[in-house]
N, C-alpha and C. Protein backbone atom coordinates (compact mmCIF):
# COMPACT_ATOMS: atom_id res chain seq x y z
N VAL A 1 11.20 5.59 2.44
CA VAL A 1 12.15 5.79 1.37
C VAL A 1 12.11 7.26 0.99
N GLY A 2 13.26 7.83 0.72
CA GLY A 2 13.36 9.25 0.42
C GLY A 2 13.16 9.60 -1.04
N TYR A 3 13.11 10.89 -1.28
CA TYR A 3 12.91 11.43 -2.62
C TYR A 3 14.10 11.13 -3.52
N SER A 4 13.82 10.81 -4.77
CA SER A 4 14.84 10.60 -5.79
C SER A 4 14.39 11.31 -7.06
N GLN A 5 15.22 12.19 -7.57
CA GLN A 5 14.87 12.91 -8.79
C GLN A 5 14.71 11.94 -9.97
N ALA A 6 15.57 10.95 -10.05
CA ALA A 6 15.48 9.96 -11.14
C ALA A 6 14.16 9.20 -11.06
N GLU A 7 13.77 8.81 -9.85
CA GLU A 7 12.51 8.09 -9.69
C GLU A 7 11.33 9.00 -10.01
N ASN A 8 11.39 10.25 -9.57
CA ASN A 8 10.34 11.21 -9.89
C ASN A 8 10.22 11.42 -11.39
N ASP A 9 11.35 11.51 -12.07
CA ASP A 9 11.33 11.64 -13.53
C ASP A 9 10.68 10.43 -14.19
N ALA A 10 10.97 9.24 -13.67
CA ALA A 10 10.37 8.01 -14.20
C ALA A 10 8.86 8.00 -13.98
N VAL A 11 8.43 8.44 -12.80
CA VAL A 11 6.99 8.54 -12.51
C VAL A 11 6.32 9.49 -13.49
N ASN A 12 6.90 10.65 -13.69
CA ASN A 12 6.32 11.63 -14.60
C ASN A 12 6.31 11.13 -16.04
N TYR A 13 7.34 10.41 -16.43
CA TYR A 13 7.38 9.82 -17.77
C TYR A 13 6.24 8.82 -17.94
N ALA A 14 6.09 7.93 -16.96
CA ALA A 14 5.02 6.93 -17.03
C ALA A 14 3.65 7.61 -17.06
N TRP A 15 3.47 8.60 -16.22
CA TRP A 15 2.21 9.34 -16.18
C TRP A 15 1.92 9.96 -17.54
N GLY A 16 2.93 10.54 -18.15
CA GLY A 16 2.79 11.15 -19.46
C GLY A 16 2.40 10.16 -20.55
N LYS A 17 2.72 8.89 -20.33
CA LYS A 17 2.36 7.83 -21.28
C LYS A 17 1.02 7.19 -20.94
N GLY A 18 0.32 7.74 -19.92
CA GLY A 18 -1.00 7.23 -19.57
C GLY A 18 -1.02 6.12 -18.55
N VAL A 19 0.09 5.92 -17.85
CA VAL A 19 0.16 4.86 -16.84
C VAL A 19 -0.37 5.39 -15.51
N LEU A 20 -1.30 4.66 -14.90
CA LEU A 20 -1.82 4.99 -13.57
C LEU A 20 -0.94 4.29 -12.54
N LEU A 21 -0.30 5.06 -11.69
CA LEU A 21 0.61 4.51 -10.69
C LEU A 21 -0.04 4.57 -9.31
N VAL A 22 -0.01 3.45 -8.59
CA VAL A 22 -0.58 3.34 -7.25
C VAL A 22 0.50 2.81 -6.33
N SER A 23 0.59 3.40 -5.13
CA SER A 23 1.62 2.97 -4.18
C SER A 23 1.06 2.98 -2.76
N ALA A 24 1.48 2.02 -1.97
CA ALA A 24 1.15 1.99 -0.55
C ALA A 24 1.81 3.20 0.12
N ALA A 25 1.08 3.85 1.03
CA ALA A 25 1.57 5.06 1.69
C ALA A 25 2.69 4.76 2.69
N GLY A 26 2.66 3.60 3.30
CA GLY A 26 3.67 3.25 4.29
C GLY A 26 3.03 2.90 5.62
N ASN A 27 3.79 2.24 6.47
CA ASN A 27 3.26 1.72 7.72
C ASN A 27 3.93 2.32 8.95
N ALA A 28 4.39 3.56 8.85
CA ALA A 28 5.06 4.21 9.98
C ALA A 28 4.08 4.87 10.95
N GLY A 29 2.83 5.02 10.55
CA GLY A 29 1.83 5.63 11.42
C GLY A 29 2.04 7.12 11.65
N ASP A 30 2.73 7.78 10.74
CA ASP A 30 3.01 9.20 10.89
C ASP A 30 2.78 9.93 9.56
N PRO A 31 2.85 11.28 9.57
CA PRO A 31 2.59 12.04 8.34
C PRO A 31 3.82 12.28 7.47
N ILE A 32 4.93 11.67 7.79
CA ILE A 32 6.15 11.88 7.01
C ILE A 32 5.98 11.23 5.63
N LYS A 33 6.28 12.00 4.59
CA LYS A 33 6.10 11.51 3.22
C LYS A 33 7.01 10.31 2.94
N ASN A 34 6.42 9.31 2.30
CA ASN A 34 7.15 8.13 1.85
C ASN A 34 7.07 8.08 0.33
N TYR A 35 8.17 7.75 -0.27
CA TYR A 35 8.26 7.67 -1.73
C TYR A 35 8.41 6.21 -2.15
N PRO A 36 7.78 5.81 -3.22
CA PRO A 36 7.24 6.61 -4.31
C PRO A 36 5.82 7.14 -4.10
N ALA A 37 5.17 6.78 -3.00
CA ALA A 37 3.77 7.19 -2.80
C ALA A 37 3.58 8.70 -2.85
N ALA A 38 4.54 9.47 -2.36
CA ALA A 38 4.36 10.91 -2.23
C ALA A 38 4.68 11.71 -3.49
N TYR A 39 5.14 11.05 -4.54
CA TYR A 39 5.37 11.79 -5.78
C TYR A 39 4.05 12.28 -6.36
N ASP A 40 4.10 13.45 -7.02
CA ASP A 40 2.94 13.88 -7.80
C ASP A 40 2.71 12.80 -8.86
N ASN A 41 1.49 12.63 -9.27
CA ASN A 41 1.13 11.64 -10.30
C ASN A 41 1.18 10.20 -9.81
N VAL A 42 1.20 10.00 -8.49
CA VAL A 42 1.08 8.67 -7.89
C VAL A 42 -0.11 8.70 -6.94
N ILE A 43 -0.96 7.71 -7.02
CA ILE A 43 -2.06 7.58 -6.08
C ILE A 43 -1.52 6.87 -4.85
N ALA A 44 -1.44 7.61 -3.74
CA ALA A 44 -0.94 7.06 -2.48
C ALA A 44 -2.11 6.53 -1.67
N VAL A 45 -2.02 5.27 -1.22
CA VAL A 45 -3.13 4.63 -0.52
C VAL A 45 -2.73 4.32 0.92
N GLY A 46 -3.50 4.88 1.85
CA GLY A 46 -3.35 4.56 3.26
C GLY A 46 -4.33 3.46 3.64
N ALA A 47 -4.25 2.99 4.88
CA ALA A 47 -5.08 1.87 5.31
C ALA A 47 -6.08 2.28 6.39
N THR A 48 -7.27 1.68 6.30
CA THR A 48 -8.28 1.85 7.34
C THR A 48 -8.44 0.55 8.11
N ASP A 49 -9.04 0.66 9.30
CA ASP A 49 -9.30 -0.52 10.12
C ASP A 49 -10.73 -1.01 9.88
N ASP A 50 -11.16 -1.95 10.69
CA ASP A 50 -12.50 -2.53 10.53
C ASP A 50 -13.63 -1.53 10.76
N ASP A 51 -13.33 -0.42 11.46
CA ASP A 51 -14.33 0.61 11.73
C ASP A 51 -14.24 1.79 10.76
N ASP A 52 -13.48 1.63 9.69
CA ASP A 52 -13.27 2.67 8.68
C ASP A 52 -12.55 3.90 9.22
N ASN A 53 -11.79 3.72 10.29
CA ASN A 53 -10.90 4.76 10.78
C ASN A 53 -9.50 4.47 10.25
N ARG A 54 -8.64 5.49 10.26
CA ARG A 54 -7.26 5.26 9.84
C ARG A 54 -6.66 4.19 10.74
N ALA A 55 -6.07 3.17 10.13
CA ALA A 55 -5.38 2.14 10.89
C ALA A 55 -4.19 2.79 11.60
N SER A 56 -3.93 2.39 12.82
CA SER A 56 -2.89 3.04 13.63
C SER A 56 -1.52 3.00 12.96
N PHE A 57 -1.26 1.99 12.17
CA PHE A 57 0.05 1.85 11.51
C PHE A 57 0.16 2.65 10.22
N SER A 58 -0.96 3.11 9.68
CA SER A 58 -0.96 3.73 8.35
C SER A 58 -0.33 5.11 8.35
N SER A 59 0.57 5.33 7.42
CA SER A 59 1.07 6.68 7.20
C SER A 59 -0.08 7.52 6.66
N PHE A 60 -0.01 8.84 6.88
CA PHE A 60 -1.13 9.70 6.50
C PHE A 60 -0.62 11.10 6.17
N GLY A 61 -1.47 11.87 5.56
CA GLY A 61 -1.15 13.25 5.23
C GLY A 61 -2.04 13.74 4.11
N SER A 62 -2.84 14.76 4.39
CA SER A 62 -3.79 15.24 3.38
C SER A 62 -3.11 15.86 2.17
N ASP A 63 -1.83 16.20 2.31
CA ASP A 63 -1.12 16.80 1.18
C ASP A 63 -0.45 15.77 0.27
N TRP A 64 -0.51 14.47 0.63
CA TRP A 64 0.12 13.48 -0.24
C TRP A 64 -0.60 12.14 -0.30
N VAL A 65 -1.38 11.76 0.70
CA VAL A 65 -2.14 10.50 0.63
C VAL A 65 -3.44 10.78 -0.10
N SER A 66 -3.67 10.04 -1.18
CA SER A 66 -4.81 10.28 -2.06
C SER A 66 -6.10 9.70 -1.53
N LEU A 67 -6.03 8.51 -0.96
CA LEU A 67 -7.23 7.83 -0.48
C LEU A 67 -6.85 6.78 0.55
N MET A 68 -7.86 6.32 1.26
CA MET A 68 -7.69 5.27 2.26
C MET A 68 -8.57 4.09 1.84
N ALA A 69 -8.12 2.89 2.15
CA ALA A 69 -8.87 1.68 1.82
C ALA A 69 -8.63 0.65 2.92
N PRO A 70 -9.52 -0.34 3.04
CA PRO A 70 -9.31 -1.36 4.06
C PRO A 70 -7.94 -2.02 3.94
N GLY A 71 -7.22 -2.07 5.06
CA GLY A 71 -5.88 -2.65 5.05
C GLY A 71 -5.51 -3.33 6.35
N ASP A 72 -6.48 -3.51 7.24
CA ASP A 72 -6.22 -4.14 8.54
C ASP A 72 -6.91 -5.49 8.58
N SER A 73 -6.15 -6.53 8.82
CA SER A 73 -6.69 -7.89 8.90
C SER A 73 -7.38 -8.30 7.60
N ILE A 74 -6.62 -8.27 6.52
CA ILE A 74 -7.11 -8.65 5.20
C ILE A 74 -6.68 -10.08 4.90
N LEU A 75 -7.61 -10.90 4.46
CA LEU A 75 -7.29 -12.28 4.12
C LEU A 75 -6.42 -12.29 2.88
N SER A 76 -5.23 -12.83 3.00
CA SER A 76 -4.25 -12.83 1.92
C SER A 76 -4.19 -14.18 1.23
N THR A 77 -3.90 -14.16 -0.05
CA THR A 77 -3.67 -15.40 -0.78
C THR A 77 -2.19 -15.75 -0.83
N MET A 78 -1.37 -14.96 -0.16
CA MET A 78 0.06 -15.27 -0.07
C MET A 78 0.23 -16.47 0.85
N PRO A 79 1.01 -17.46 0.46
CA PRO A 79 1.14 -18.65 1.30
C PRO A 79 1.74 -18.31 2.66
N ASN A 80 1.21 -18.95 3.69
CA ASN A 80 1.78 -18.73 5.02
C ASN A 80 2.89 -19.74 5.27
N GLU A 81 3.43 -19.71 6.46
CA GLU A 81 4.58 -20.56 6.79
C GLU A 81 4.26 -22.06 6.72
N GLN A 82 2.99 -22.41 6.85
CA GLN A 82 2.60 -23.82 6.85
C GLN A 82 2.60 -24.42 5.44
N CYS A 83 2.62 -23.58 4.44
CA CYS A 83 2.51 -24.06 3.06
C CYS A 83 3.71 -23.57 2.25
N GLY A 84 4.44 -24.47 1.69
CA GLY A 84 5.57 -24.08 0.86
C GLY A 84 5.14 -23.36 -0.40
N THR A 85 4.07 -23.84 -1.01
CA THR A 85 3.47 -23.18 -2.16
C THR A 85 1.99 -23.07 -1.88
N PHE A 86 1.33 -22.18 -2.57
CA PHE A 86 -0.09 -21.98 -2.29
C PHE A 86 -0.92 -23.14 -2.80
N ASP A 87 -1.83 -23.59 -1.96
CA ASP A 87 -2.76 -24.66 -2.28
C ASP A 87 -4.17 -24.10 -2.14
N TYR A 88 -4.84 -23.81 -3.26
CA TYR A 88 -6.15 -23.19 -3.22
C TYR A 88 -7.20 -24.06 -2.54
N ASP A 89 -6.94 -25.34 -2.40
CA ASP A 89 -7.90 -26.23 -1.77
C ASP A 89 -7.65 -26.39 -0.28
N ASN A 90 -6.65 -25.70 0.26
CA ASN A 90 -6.30 -25.85 1.66
C ASN A 90 -6.44 -24.49 2.36
N ASP A 91 -7.53 -24.32 3.12
CA ASP A 91 -7.76 -23.05 3.81
C ASP A 91 -6.67 -22.73 4.82
N ALA A 92 -5.94 -23.73 5.28
CA ALA A 92 -4.86 -23.48 6.23
C ALA A 92 -3.74 -22.65 5.60
N CYS A 93 -3.71 -22.60 4.28
CA CYS A 93 -2.68 -21.81 3.60
C CYS A 93 -3.00 -20.32 3.58
N LEU A 94 -4.25 -19.96 3.85
CA LEU A 94 -4.64 -18.56 3.87
C LEU A 94 -4.27 -17.94 5.20
N HIS A 95 -3.93 -16.67 5.20
CA HIS A 95 -3.67 -15.99 6.48
C HIS A 95 -4.01 -14.52 6.36
N TRP A 96 -4.13 -13.89 7.51
CA TRP A 96 -4.53 -12.50 7.60
C TRP A 96 -3.29 -11.62 7.68
N GLN A 97 -3.31 -10.53 6.93
CA GLN A 97 -2.20 -9.58 6.96
C GLN A 97 -2.75 -8.16 7.08
N SER A 98 -1.91 -7.28 7.61
CA SER A 98 -2.27 -5.88 7.73
C SER A 98 -1.15 -5.03 7.15
N GLY A 99 -1.53 -3.91 6.56
CA GLY A 99 -0.54 -2.97 6.03
C GLY A 99 -1.13 -2.17 4.88
N THR A 100 -0.46 -1.07 4.56
CA THR A 100 -0.95 -0.27 3.44
C THR A 100 -0.79 -1.00 2.11
N SER A 101 0.10 -1.97 2.06
CA SER A 101 0.21 -2.76 0.83
C SER A 101 -1.00 -3.67 0.64
N MET A 102 -1.68 -4.01 1.72
CA MET A 102 -2.92 -4.79 1.60
C MET A 102 -4.07 -3.89 1.12
N ALA A 103 -3.96 -2.59 1.39
CA ALA A 103 -4.98 -1.63 0.95
C ALA A 103 -4.79 -1.24 -0.52
N SER A 104 -3.61 -1.50 -1.04
CA SER A 104 -3.30 -1.07 -2.42
C SER A 104 -2.64 -2.18 -3.22
N PRO A 105 -3.28 -3.37 -3.26
CA PRO A 105 -2.63 -4.47 -3.99
C PRO A 105 -2.61 -4.24 -5.49
């Protein structure tokens, strides 16, 4: 997603009110800035793999990604295709997901 002055203004307004903003960096596997993660005053989170290396899909860039966190093969509580709604007593409803959004829930 590209830069938006209105969105940047909203980020700065929220920051000025003491709001901590966190955003997934993106899953393009390249250093191209993704917004809202790349705005100043947003903590951009990339994903690492099981060996604590950058996950191949994770967007990156030392000038805009703030930190990296585990995001590859994370057990999700989001219902999978087998379950219409989540059933906490049914392990079949759990599934593994990967992405920078898993690193920055």
